[in-house]
Amino acid sequence: MRGIEPEVLVKLKARAVRHGRSLEAELRDILKYAAGEDSEAVMKELTEIQQLLHGRQFSDSTEIVREDRDR
């Protein structure tokens, strides 16, 4: 592909393999997402997650992180 740095191309190809599709299909999906076609679906999913978590209390994980880091 012209104009794409080799290291970027390697990463894009690896991403395509991880998603089980061709490089061309992966690039189409990236462009579609960048153009905002999926933004409505993403917002819907975020709203659903917010509704699931609404009213929950979450503890401060600072101490847990410190303990784990100090091991």
C-alpha atoms as a PDB file:
ATOM      1  CA  MET A   1       0.000   0.000   0.000  1.00  0.00           C
ATOM      2  CA  ARG A   2       1.433   3.312  -1.031  1.00  0.00           C
ATOM      3  CA  GLY A   3       2.023   6.027   1.519  1.00  0.00           C
ATOM      4  CA  ILE A   4       1.580   3.782   4.576  1.00  0.00           C
ATOM      5  CA  GLU A   5       4.591   3.278   6.796  1.00  0.00           C
ATOM      6  CA  PRO A   6       5.693  -0.386   6.910  1.00  0.00           C
ATOM      7  CA  GLU A   7       5.339  -0.667  10.693  1.00  0.00           C
ATOM      8  CA  VAL A   8       1.778   0.698  10.512  1.00  0.00           C
ATOM      9  CA  LEU A   9       0.935  -1.771   7.765  1.00  0.00           C
ATOM     10  CA  VAL A  10       2.275  -4.657   9.861  1.00  0.00           C
ATOM     11  CA  LYS A  11       0.056  -3.588  12.764  1.00  0.00           C
ATOM     12  CA  LEU A  12      -2.984  -3.260  10.518  1.00  0.00           C
ATOM     13  CA  LYS A  13      -2.397  -6.709   9.050  1.00  0.00           C
ATOM     14  CA  ALA A  14      -2.049  -8.194  12.538  1.00  0.00           C
ATOM     15  CA  ARG A  15      -5.274  -6.486  13.595  1.00  0.00           C
ATOM     16  CA  ALA A  16      -7.053  -7.911  10.555  1.00  0.00           C
ATOM     17  CA  VAL A  17      -5.828 -11.411  11.416  1.00  0.00           C
ATOM     18  CA  ARG A  18      -7.033 -11.016  15.025  1.00  0.00           C
ATOM     19  CA  HIS A  19     -10.466 -10.065  13.725  1.00  0.00           C
ATOM     20  CA  GLY A  20     -10.483 -12.882  11.176  1.00  0.00           C
ATOM     21  CA  ARG A  21     -10.774 -10.738   8.068  1.00  0.00           C
ATOM     22  CA  SER A  22      -8.768  -9.409   5.176  1.00  0.00           C
ATOM     23  CA  LEU A  23      -6.725  -6.231   5.387  1.00  0.00           C
ATOM     24  CA  GLU A  24      -9.183  -4.557   3.031  1.00  0.00           C
ATOM     25  CA  ALA A  25     -12.167  -5.532   5.199  1.00  0.00           C
ATOM     26  CA  GLU A  26     -10.347  -4.323   8.304  1.00  0.00           C
ATOM     27  CA  LEU A  27      -9.578  -0.972   6.698  1.00  0.00           C
ATOM     28  CA  ARG A  28     -13.204  -0.605   5.605  1.00  0.00           C
ATOM     29  CA  ASP A  29     -14.332  -1.235   9.172  1.00  0.00           C
ATOM     30  CA  ILE A  30     -11.836   1.280  10.570  1.00  0.00           C
ATOM     31  CA  LEU A  31     -12.987   3.914   8.089  1.00  0.00           C
ATOM     32  CA  LYS A  32     -16.640   3.171   8.802  1.00  0.00           C
ATOM     33  CA  TYR A  33     -16.037   3.597  12.532  1.00  0.00           C
ATOM     34  CA  ALA A  34     -14.006   6.769  11.979  1.00  0.00           C
ATOM     35  CA  ALA A  35     -16.817   8.194   9.857  1.00  0.00           C
ATOM     36  CA  GLY A  36     -19.196   7.712  12.778  1.00  0.00           C
ATOM     37  CA  GLU A  37     -21.585   5.150  11.312  1.00  0.00           C
ATOM     38  CA  ASP A  38     -21.219   3.022  14.451  1.00  0.00           C
ATOM     39  CA  SER A  39     -21.564   5.912  16.900  1.00  0.00           C
ATOM     40  CA  GLU A  40     -25.298   5.335  17.394  1.00  0.00           C
ATOM     41  CA  ALA A  41     -24.723   1.680  18.277  1.00  0.00           C
ATOM     42  CA  VAL A  42     -21.900   2.606  20.652  1.00  0.00           C
ATOM     43  CA  MET A  43     -24.059   5.204  22.401  1.00  0.00           C
ATOM     44  CA  LYS A  44     -26.872   2.682  22.777  1.00  0.00           C
ATOM     45  CA  GLU A  45     -24.498   0.171  24.346  1.00  0.00           C
ATOM     46  CA  LEU A  46     -23.077   2.803  26.710  1.00  0.00           C
ATOM     47  CA  THR A  47     -26.589   3.773  27.789  1.00  0.00           C
ATOM     48  CA  GLU A  48     -27.398   0.130  28.530  1.00  0.00           C
ATOM     49  CA  ILE A  49     -24.235  -0.222  30.627  1.00  0.00           C
ATOM     50  CA  GLN A  50     -25.053   2.969  32.533  1.00  0.00           C
ATOM     51  CA  GLN A  51     -28.519   1.614  33.292  1.00  0.00           C
ATOM     52  CA  LEU A  52     -27.058  -1.662  34.556  1.00  0.00           C
ATOM     53  CA  LEU A  53     -24.647   0.166  36.874  1.00  0.00           C
ATOM     54  CA  HIS A  54     -27.029   2.910  38.010  1.00  0.00           C
ATOM     55  CA  GLY A  55     -27.198   3.250  41.776  1.00  0.00           C
ATOM     56  CA  ARG A  56     -24.307   0.893  42.508  1.00  0.00           C
ATOM     57  CA  GLN A  57     -21.632   1.889  44.976  1.00  0.00           C
ATOM     58  CA  PHE A  58     -18.056   1.052  44.083  1.00  0.00           C
ATOM     59  CA  SER A  59     -15.244   0.908  46.604  1.00  0.00           C
ATOM     60  CA  ASP A  60     -12.004   2.784  46.208  1.00  0.00           C
ATOM     61  CA  SER A  61      -9.519   0.315  44.727  1.00  0.00           C
ATOM     62  CA  THR A  62      -6.437   2.354  45.631  1.00  0.00           C
ATOM     63  CA  GLU A  63      -5.466   0.114  48.537  1.00  0.00           C
ATOM     64  CA  ILE A  64      -5.932  -3.065  46.511  1.00  0.00           C
ATOM     65  CA  VAL A  65      -3.754  -1.685  43.716  1.00  0.00           C
ATOM     66  CA  ARG A  66      -1.048  -0.643  46.204  1.00  0.00           C
ATOM     67  CA  GLU A  67      -1.040  -4.077  47.853  1.00  0.00           C
ATOM     68  CA  ASP A  68      -0.792  -5.807  44.513  1.00  0.00           C
ATOM     69  CA  ARG A  69       1.996  -3.498  43.358  1.00  0.00           C
ATOM     70  CA  ASP A  70       3.996  -4.056  46.563  1.00  0.00           C
ATOM     71  CA  ARG A  71       4.058  -7.853  46.159  1.00  0.00           C
END
